[in-house]
């Protein structure tokens, strides 16, 4: 399973409580659309750090990083390399 798919699955199963009724595209705005709130962002960050063995620095915690599934997956892949 690739990074993008794992992130999307986590968001849909652990953050969005919709019983599968909401679709999530890679470029959907996560923060502006209300898909993720501040608590969801912290849960997502913890998931990313634990699942991909990365550590987020203060400068990584920008709205641009958490803007979309696409931007999150690019950030994770960069941190892993």
PDB file of N, CA and C in Angstrom:
ATOM      1  N   UNK A   1       0.851  -1.174   0.000  1.00  0.00           N
ATOM      2  CA  UNK A   1       0.000   0.000   0.000  1.00  0.00           C
ATOM      3  C   UNK A   1       0.899   1.240   0.000  1.00  0.00           C
ATOM      4  N   UNK A   2       0.632   2.160  -0.907  1.00  0.00           N
ATOM      5  CA  UNK A   2       1.475   3.343  -0.988  1.00  0.00           C
ATOM      6  C   UNK A   2       1.098   4.377   0.075  1.00  0.00           C
ATOM      7  N   UNK A   3       1.980   5.348   0.236  1.00  0.00           N
ATOM      8  CA  UNK A   3       1.835   6.371   1.276  1.00  0.00           C
ATOM      9  C   UNK A   3       0.514   7.113   1.129  1.00  0.00           C
ATOM     10  N   UNK A   4       0.212   7.533  -0.069  1.00  0.00           N
ATOM     11  CA  UNK A   4      -1.005   8.315  -0.316  1.00  0.00           C
ATOM     12  C   UNK A   4      -2.253   7.525   0.093  1.00  0.00           C
ATOM     13  N   UNK A   5      -2.287   6.263  -0.268  1.00  0.00           N
ATOM     14  CA  UNK A   5      -3.436   5.424   0.061  1.00  0.00           C
ATOM     15  C   UNK A   5      -3.563   5.223   1.573  1.00  0.00           C
ATOM     16  N   UNK A   6      -2.447   5.016   2.263  1.00  0.00           N
ATOM     17  CA  UNK A   6      -2.477   4.838   3.716  1.00  0.00           C
ATOM     18  C   UNK A   6      -2.990   6.092   4.418  1.00  0.00           C
ATOM     19  N   UNK A   7      -2.545   7.250   3.957  1.00  0.00           N
ATOM     20  CA  UNK A   7      -2.997   8.516   4.545  1.00  0.00           C
ATOM     21  C   UNK A   7      -4.498   8.685   4.339  1.00  0.00           C
ATOM     22  N   UNK A   8      -4.937   8.447   3.117  1.00  0.00           N
ATOM     23  CA  UNK A   8      -6.361   8.600   2.791  1.00  0.00           C
ATOM     24  C   UNK A   8      -7.206   7.641   3.624  1.00  0.00           C
ATOM     25  N   UNK A   9      -6.782   6.399   3.739  1.00  0.00           N
ATOM     26  CA  UNK A   9      -7.527   5.412   4.517  1.00  0.00           C
ATOM     27  C   UNK A   9      -7.604   5.809   5.989  1.00  0.00           C
ATOM     28  N   UNK A  10      -6.500   6.332   6.551  1.00  0.00           N
ATOM     29  CA  UNK A  10      -6.508   6.765   7.941  1.00  0.00           C
ATOM     30  C   UNK A  10      -7.494   7.911   8.142  1.00  0.00           C
ATOM     31  N   UNK A  11      -7.450   8.890   7.264  1.00  0.00           N
ATOM     32  CA  UNK A  11      -8.349  10.037   7.391  1.00  0.00           C
ATOM     33  C   UNK A  11      -9.808   9.579   7.342  1.00  0.00           C
ATOM     34  N   UNK A  12     -10.120   8.729   6.390  1.00  0.00           N
ATOM     35  CA  UNK A  12     -11.500   8.279   6.239  1.00  0.00           C
ATOM     36  C   UNK A  12     -11.958   7.381   7.378  1.00  0.00           C
ATOM     37  N   UNK A  13     -11.070   6.572   7.909  1.00  0.00           N
ATOM     38  CA  UNK A  13     -11.500   5.628   8.947  1.00  0.00           C
ATOM     39  C   UNK A  13     -11.373   6.174  10.362  1.00  0.00           C
ATOM     40  N   UNK A  14     -10.412   7.045  10.616  1.00  0.00           N
ATOM     41  CA  UNK A  14     -10.143   7.493  11.980  1.00  0.00           C
ATOM     42  C   UNK A  14     -10.529   8.939  12.271  1.00  0.00           C
ATOM     43  N   UNK A  15     -10.623   9.765  11.246  1.00  0.00           N
ATOM     44  CA  UNK A  15     -10.897  11.187  11.478  1.00  0.00           C
ATOM     45  C   UNK A  15     -12.298  11.565  11.014  1.00  0.00           C
ATOM     46  N   UNK A  16     -12.676  11.123   9.833  1.00  0.00           N
ATOM     47  CA  UNK A  16     -13.995  11.429   9.300  1.00  0.00           C
ATOM     48  C   UNK A  16     -14.945  10.326   9.740  1.00  0.00           C
ATOM     49  N   UNK A  17     -15.952  10.690  10.501  1.00  0.00           N
ATOM     50  CA  UNK A  17     -16.931   9.689  10.931  1.00  0.00           C
ATOM     51  C   UNK A  17     -18.160   9.783  10.043  1.00  0.00           C
ATOM     52  N   UNK A  18     -18.063   9.112   8.893  1.00  0.00           N
ATOM     53  CA  UNK A  18     -19.131   9.237   7.901  1.00  0.00           C
ATOM     54  C   UNK A  18     -19.663   7.903   7.417  1.00  0.00           C
ATOM     55  N   UNK A  19     -19.146   6.826   7.965  1.00  0.00           N
ATOM     56  CA  UNK A  19     -19.542   5.485   7.530  1.00  0.00           C
ATOM     57  C   UNK A  19     -19.356   5.293   6.024  1.00  0.00           C
ATOM     58  N   UNK A  20     -18.292   5.893   5.471  1.00  0.00           N
ATOM     59  CA  UNK A  20     -17.969   5.699   4.064  1.00  0.00           C
ATOM     60  C   UNK A  20     -18.772   6.536   3.099  1.00  0.00           C
ATOM     61  N   UNK A  21     -19.484   7.538   3.573  1.00  0.00           N
ATOM     62  CA  UNK A  21     -20.347   8.326   2.700  1.00  0.00           C
ATOM     63  C   UNK A  21     -19.646   9.527   2.076  1.00  0.00           C
ATOM     64  N   UNK A  22     -18.452   9.856   2.514  1.00  0.00           N
ATOM     65  CA  UNK A  22     -17.722  10.993   1.967  1.00  0.00           C
ATOM     66  C   UNK A  22     -16.586  10.481   1.106  1.00  0.00           C
ATOM     67  N   UNK A  23     -16.447  11.042  -0.081  1.00  0.00           N
ATOM     68  CA  UNK A  23     -15.303  10.689  -0.923  1.00  0.00           C
ATOM     69  C   UNK A  23     -14.197  11.696  -0.640  1.00  0.00           C
ATOM     70  N   UNK A  24     -12.978  11.254  -0.787  1.00  0.00           N
ATOM     71  CA  UNK A  24     -11.828  12.108  -0.523  1.00  0.00           C
ATOM     72  C   UNK A  24     -10.862  11.979  -1.679  1.00  0.00           C
ATOM     73  N   UNK A  25     -10.681  13.068  -2.390  1.00  0.00           N
ATOM     74  CA  UNK A  25      -9.742  13.097  -3.508  1.00  0.00           C
ATOM     75  C   UNK A  25      -8.382  13.573  -3.006  1.00  0.00           C
ATOM     76  N   UNK A  26      -7.340  13.257  -3.739  1.00  0.00           N
ATOM     77  CA  UNK A  26      -5.976  13.607  -3.332  1.00  0.00           C
ATOM     78  C   UNK A  26      -5.748  15.111  -3.211  1.00  0.00           C
ATOM     79  N   UNK A  27      -6.530  15.887  -3.942  1.00  0.00           N
ATOM     80  CA  UNK A  27      -6.331  17.338  -3.956  1.00  0.00           C
ATOM     81  C   UNK A  27      -7.397  18.107  -3.193  1.00  0.00           C
ATOM     82  N   UNK A  28      -8.294  17.403  -2.493  1.00  0.00           N
ATOM     83  CA  UNK A  28      -9.310  18.079  -1.684  1.00  0.00           C
ATOM     84  C   UNK A  28      -8.656  18.818  -0.526  1.00  0.00           C
ATOM     85  N   UNK A  29      -9.032  20.065  -0.284  1.00  0.00           N
ATOM     86  CA  UNK A  29      -8.453  20.811   0.848  1.00  0.00           C
ATOM     87  C   UNK A  29      -8.942  20.232   2.175  1.00  0.00           C
ATOM     88  N   UNK A  30      -8.013  19.770   2.986  1.00  0.00           N
ATOM     89  CA  UNK A  30      -8.372  19.100   4.237  1.00  0.00           C
ATOM     90  C   UNK A  30      -8.770  20.068   5.334  1.00  0.00           C
ATOM     91  N   UNK A  31      -8.023  21.139   5.491  1.00  0.00           N
ATOM     92  CA  UNK A  31      -8.283  22.087   6.570  1.00  0.00           C
ATOM     93  C   UNK A  31      -9.415  23.045   6.211  1.00  0.00           C
ATOM     94  N   UNK A  32      -9.352  23.638   5.032  1.00  0.00           N
ATOM     95  CA  UNK A  32     -10.357  24.632   4.635  1.00  0.00           C
ATOM     96  C   UNK A  32     -11.745  24.034   4.501  1.00  0.00           C
ATOM     97  N   UNK A  33     -11.822  22.772   4.107  1.00  0.00           N
ATOM     98  CA  UNK A  33     -13.130  22.142   3.914  1.00  0.00           C
ATOM     99  C   UNK A  33     -13.694  21.575   5.213  1.00  0.00           C
ATOM    100  N   UNK A  34     -12.873  21.571   6.265  1.00  0.00           N
ATOM    101  CA  UNK A  34     -13.342  21.061   7.547  1.00  0.00           C
ATOM    102  C   UNK A  34     -13.229  19.549   7.689  1.00  0.00           C
ATOM    103  N   UNK A  35     -12.575  18.890   6.740  1.00  0.00           N
ATOM    104  CA  UNK A  35     -12.382  17.441   6.843  1.00  0.00           C
ATOM    105  C   UNK A  35     -11.538  17.129   8.068  1.00  0.00           C
ATOM    106  N   UNK A  36     -10.521  17.966   8.307  1.00  0.00           N
ATOM    107  CA  UNK A  36      -9.642  17.791   9.467  1.00  0.00           C
ATOM    108  C   UNK A  36      -9.686  19.060  10.303  1.00  0.00           C
ATOM    109  N   UNK A  37      -9.892  18.906  11.605  1.00  0.00           N
ATOM    110  CA  UNK A  37      -9.802  20.034  12.528  1.00  0.00           C
ATOM    111  C   UNK A  37      -8.482  19.910  13.298  1.00  0.00           C
ATOM    112  N   UNK A  38      -8.290  20.737  14.308  1.00  0.00           N
ATOM    113  CA  UNK A  38      -7.007  20.730  15.021  1.00  0.00           C
ATOM    114  C   UNK A  38      -6.746  19.396  15.724  1.00  0.00           C
ATOM    115  N   UNK A  39      -7.764  18.795  16.295  1.00  0.00           N
ATOM    116  CA  UNK A  39      -7.599  17.498  16.942  1.00  0.00           C
ATOM    117  C   UNK A  39      -7.285  16.422  15.906  1.00  0.00           C
ATOM    118  N   UNK A  40      -7.970  16.475  14.789  1.00  0.00           N
ATOM    119  CA  UNK A  40      -7.712  15.530  13.701  1.00  0.00           C
ATOM    120  C   UNK A  40      -6.309  15.670  13.154  1.00  0.00           C
ATOM    121  N   UNK A  41      -5.821  16.910  13.093  1.00  0.00           N
ATOM    122  CA  UNK A  41      -4.471  17.143  12.606  1.00  0.00           C
ATOM    123  C   UNK A  41      -3.445  16.503  13.544  1.00  0.00           C
ATOM    124  N   UNK A  42      -3.678  16.591  14.841  1.00  0.00           N
ATOM    125  CA  UNK A  42      -2.753  15.980  15.799  1.00  0.00           C
ATOM    126  C   UNK A  42      -2.796  14.455  15.687  1.00  0.00           C
ATOM    127  N   UNK A  43      -3.986  13.880  15.533  1.00  0.00           N
ATOM    128  CA  UNK A  43      -4.113  12.433  15.354  1.00  0.00           C
ATOM    129  C   UNK A  43      -3.400  11.985  14.076  1.00  0.00           C
ATOM    130  N   UNK A  44      -3.572  12.767  13.018  1.00  0.00           N
ATOM    131  CA  UNK A  44      -2.940  12.450  11.745  1.00  0.00           C
ATOM    132  C   UNK A  44      -1.422  12.542  11.861  1.00  0.00           C
ATOM    133  N   UNK A  45      -0.928  13.565  12.513  1.00  0.00           N
ATOM    134  CA  UNK A  45       0.513  13.728  12.685  1.00  0.00           C
ATOM    135  C   UNK A  45       1.110  12.553  13.458  1.00  0.00           C
ATOM    136  N   UNK A  46       0.461  12.145  14.525  1.00  0.00           N
ATOM    137  CA  UNK A  46       0.924  11.002  15.303  1.00  0.00           C
ATOM    138  C   UNK A  46       0.931   9.737  14.448  1.00  0.00           C
ATOM    139  N   UNK A  47      -0.127   9.529  13.670  1.00  0.00           N
ATOM    140  CA  UNK A  47      -0.195   8.382  12.767  1.00  0.00           C
ATOM    141  C   UNK A  47       0.963   8.402  11.775  1.00  0.00           C
ATOM    142  N   UNK A  48       1.230   9.557  11.173  1.00  0.00           N
ATOM    143  CA  UNK A  48       2.301   9.662  10.177  1.00  0.00           C
ATOM    144  C   UNK A  48       3.658   9.371  10.795  1.00  0.00           C
ATOM    145  N   UNK A  49       3.912   9.942  11.961  1.00  0.00           N
ATOM    146  CA  UNK A  49       5.208   9.725  12.619  1.00  0.00           C
ATOM    147  C   UNK A  49       5.403   8.256  12.979  1.00  0.00           C
ATOM    148  N   UNK A  50       4.371   7.626  13.506  1.00  0.00           N
ATOM    149  CA  UNK A  50       4.488   6.223  13.919  1.00  0.00           C
ATOM    150  C   UNK A  50       4.510   5.266  12.727  1.00  0.00           C
ATOM    151  N   UNK A  51       3.670   5.498  11.756  1.00  0.00           N
ATOM    152  CA  UNK A  51       3.548   4.574  10.624  1.00  0.00           C
ATOM    153  C   UNK A  51       4.742   4.611   9.685  1.00  0.00           C
ATOM    154  N   UNK A  52       5.324   5.789   9.522  1.00  0.00           N
ATOM    155  CA  UNK A  52       6.398   5.945   8.544  1.00  0.00           C
ATOM    156  C   UNK A  52       7.755   6.222   9.183  1.00  0.00           C
ATOM    157  N   UNK A  53       7.822   6.125  10.497  1.00  0.00           N
ATOM    158  CA  UNK A  53       9.074   6.328  11.246  1.00  0.00           C
ATOM    159  C   UNK A  53       9.754   7.638  10.874  1.00  0.00           C
ATOM    160  N   UNK A  54       8.964   8.708  10.929  1.00  0.00           N
ATOM    161  CA  UNK A  54       9.482  10.045  10.655  1.00  0.00           C
ATOM    162  C   UNK A  54       9.217  10.922  11.873  1.00  0.00           C
ATOM    163  N   UNK A  55       9.861  12.066  11.902  1.00  0.00           N
ATOM    164  CA  UNK A  55       9.653  13.015  12.985  1.00  0.00           C
ATOM    165  C   UNK A  55       9.421  14.393  12.371  1.00  0.00           C
ATOM    166  N   UNK A  56       8.334  15.021  12.752  1.00  0.00           N
ATOM    167  CA  UNK A  56       8.000  16.344  12.225  1.00  0.00           C
ATOM    168  C   UNK A  56       8.706  17.415  13.034  1.00  0.00           C
ATOM    169  N   UNK A  57       9.371  18.302  12.339  1.00  0.00           N
ATOM    170  CA  UNK A  57       9.994  19.459  12.971  1.00  0.00           C
ATOM    171  C   UNK A  57       8.967  20.598  13.002  1.00  0.00           C
ATOM    172  N   UNK A  58       9.219  21.586  13.842  1.00  0.00           N
ATOM    173  CA  UNK A  58       8.294  22.713  13.949  1.00  0.00           C
ATOM    174  C   UNK A  58       8.022  23.359  12.593  1.00  0.00           C
ATOM    175  N   UNK A  59       9.047  23.487  11.756  1.00  0.00           N
ATOM    176  CA  UNK A  59       8.869  24.137  10.455  1.00  0.00           C
ATOM    177  C   UNK A  59       8.043  23.284   9.481  1.00  0.00           C
ATOM    178  N   UNK A  60       7.845  21.999   9.796  1.00  0.00           N
ATOM    179  CA  UNK A  60       7.019  21.141   8.960  1.00  0.00           C
ATOM    180  C   UNK A  60       5.528  21.348   9.205  1.00  0.00           C
ATOM    181  N   UNK A  61       5.185  21.910  10.329  1.00  0.00           N
ATOM    182  CA  UNK A  61       3.783  22.043  10.725  1.00  0.00           C
ATOM    183  C   UNK A  61       3.162  23.295  10.121  1.00  0.00           C
ATOM    184  N   UNK A  62       3.069  23.283   8.811  1.00  0.00           N
ATOM    185  CA  UNK A  62       2.530  24.408   8.054  1.00  0.00           C
ATOM    186  C   UNK A  62       1.224  23.988   7.384  1.00  0.00           C
ATOM    187  N   UNK A  63       0.315  24.923   7.180  1.00  0.00           N
ATOM    188  CA  UNK A  63      -0.939  24.585   6.489  1.00  0.00           C
ATOM    189  C   UNK A  63      -0.704  23.973   5.100  1.00  0.00           C
ATOM    190  N   UNK A  64       0.369  24.389   4.426  1.00  0.00           N
ATOM    191  CA  UNK A  64       0.662  23.856   3.107  1.00  0.00           C
ATOM    192  C   UNK A  64       0.959  22.354   3.173  1.00  0.00           C
ATOM    193  N   UNK A  65       1.634  21.932   4.228  1.00  0.00           N
ATOM    194  CA  UNK A  65       1.974  20.515   4.388  1.00  0.00           C
ATOM    195  C   UNK A  65       0.723  19.690   4.599  1.00  0.00           C
ATOM    196  N   UNK A  66      -0.195  20.183   5.402  1.00  0.00           N
ATOM    197  CA  UNK A  66      -1.414  19.457   5.746  1.00  0.00           C
ATOM    198  C   UNK A  66      -2.591  19.850   4.865  1.00  0.00           C
ATOM    199  N   UNK A  67      -2.318  20.513   3.756  1.00  0.00           N
ATOM    200  CA  UNK A  67      -3.384  21.026   2.905  1.00  0.00           C
ATOM    201  C   UNK A  67      -4.191  19.971   2.191  1.00  0.00           C
ATOM    202  N   UNK A  68      -3.526  18.945   1.654  1.00  0.00           N
ATOM    203  CA  UNK A  68      -4.196  17.902   0.885  1.00  0.00           C
ATOM    204  C   UNK A  68      -3.521  16.558   1.155  1.00  0.00           C
ATOM    205  N   UNK A  69      -4.171  15.495   0.748  1.00  0.00           N
ATOM    206  CA  UNK A  69      -3.542  14.175   0.835  1.00  0.00           C
ATOM    207  C   UNK A  69      -2.280  14.167  -0.022  1.00  0.00           C
ATOM    208  N   UNK A  70      -2.325  14.809  -1.163  1.00  0.00           N
ATOM    209  CA  UNK A  70      -1.170  14.900  -2.065  1.00  0.00           C
ATOM    210  C   UNK A  70       0.013  15.570  -1.376  1.00  0.00           C
ATOM    211  N   UNK A  71      -0.209  16.721  -0.749  1.00  0.00           N
ATOM    212  CA  UNK A  71       0.897  17.433  -0.096  1.00  0.00           C
ATOM    213  C   UNK A  71       1.431  16.649   1.102  1.00  0.00           C
ATOM    214  N   UNK A  72       0.549  15.969   1.820  1.00  0.00           N
ATOM    215  CA  UNK A  72       0.988  15.138   2.944  1.00  0.00           C
ATOM    216  C   UNK A  72       1.852  13.983   2.469  1.00  0.00           C
ATOM    217  N   UNK A  73       1.452  13.315   1.411  1.00  0.00           N
ATOM    218  CA  UNK A  73       2.230  12.174   0.924  1.00  0.00           C
ATOM    219  C   UNK A  73       3.592  12.617   0.402  1.00  0.00           C
ATOM    220  N   UNK A  74       3.648  13.762  -0.263  1.00  0.00           N
ATOM    221  CA  UNK A  74       4.940  14.284  -0.719  1.00  0.00           C
ATOM    222  C   UNK A  74       5.848  14.607   0.465  1.00  0.00           C
ATOM    223  N   UNK A  75       5.277  15.199   1.501  1.00  0.00           N
ATOM    224  CA  UNK A  75       6.049  15.525   2.700  1.00  0.00           C
ATOM    225  C   UNK A  75       6.575  14.261   3.365  1.00  0.00           C
ATOM    226  N   UNK A  76       5.722  13.241   3.520  1.00  0.00           N
ATOM    227  CA  UNK A  76       6.141  11.989   4.150  1.00  0.00           C
ATOM    228  C   UNK A  76       7.256  11.341   3.329  1.00  0.00           C
ATOM    229  N   UNK A  77       7.093  11.280   2.028  1.00  0.00           N
ATOM    230  CA  UNK A  77       8.106  10.659   1.171  1.00  0.00           C
ATOM    231  C   UNK A  77       9.427  11.410   1.262  1.00  0.00           C
ATOM    232  N   UNK A  78       9.382  12.732   1.354  1.00  0.00           N
ATOM    233  CA  UNK A  78      10.602  13.527   1.513  1.00  0.00           C
ATOM    234  C   UNK A  78      11.268  13.234   2.853  1.00  0.00           C
ATOM    235  N   UNK A  79      10.492  13.148   3.907  1.00  0.00           N
ATOM    236  CA  UNK A  79      11.041  12.862   5.241  1.00  0.00           C
ATOM    237  C   UNK A  79      11.632  11.453   5.318  1.00  0.00           C
ATOM    238  N   UNK A  80      11.081  10.524   4.570  1.00  0.00           N
ATOM    239  CA  UNK A  80      11.558   9.143   4.591  1.00  0.00           C
ATOM    240  C   UNK A  80      12.882   8.998   3.845  1.00  0.00           C
ATOM    241  N   UNK A  81      13.159   9.891   2.905  1.00  0.00           N
ATOM    242  CA  UNK A  81      14.397   9.796   2.109  1.00  0.00           C
ATOM    243  C   UNK A  81      15.547  10.492   2.720  1.00  0.00           C
TER     244      UNK A  81
END
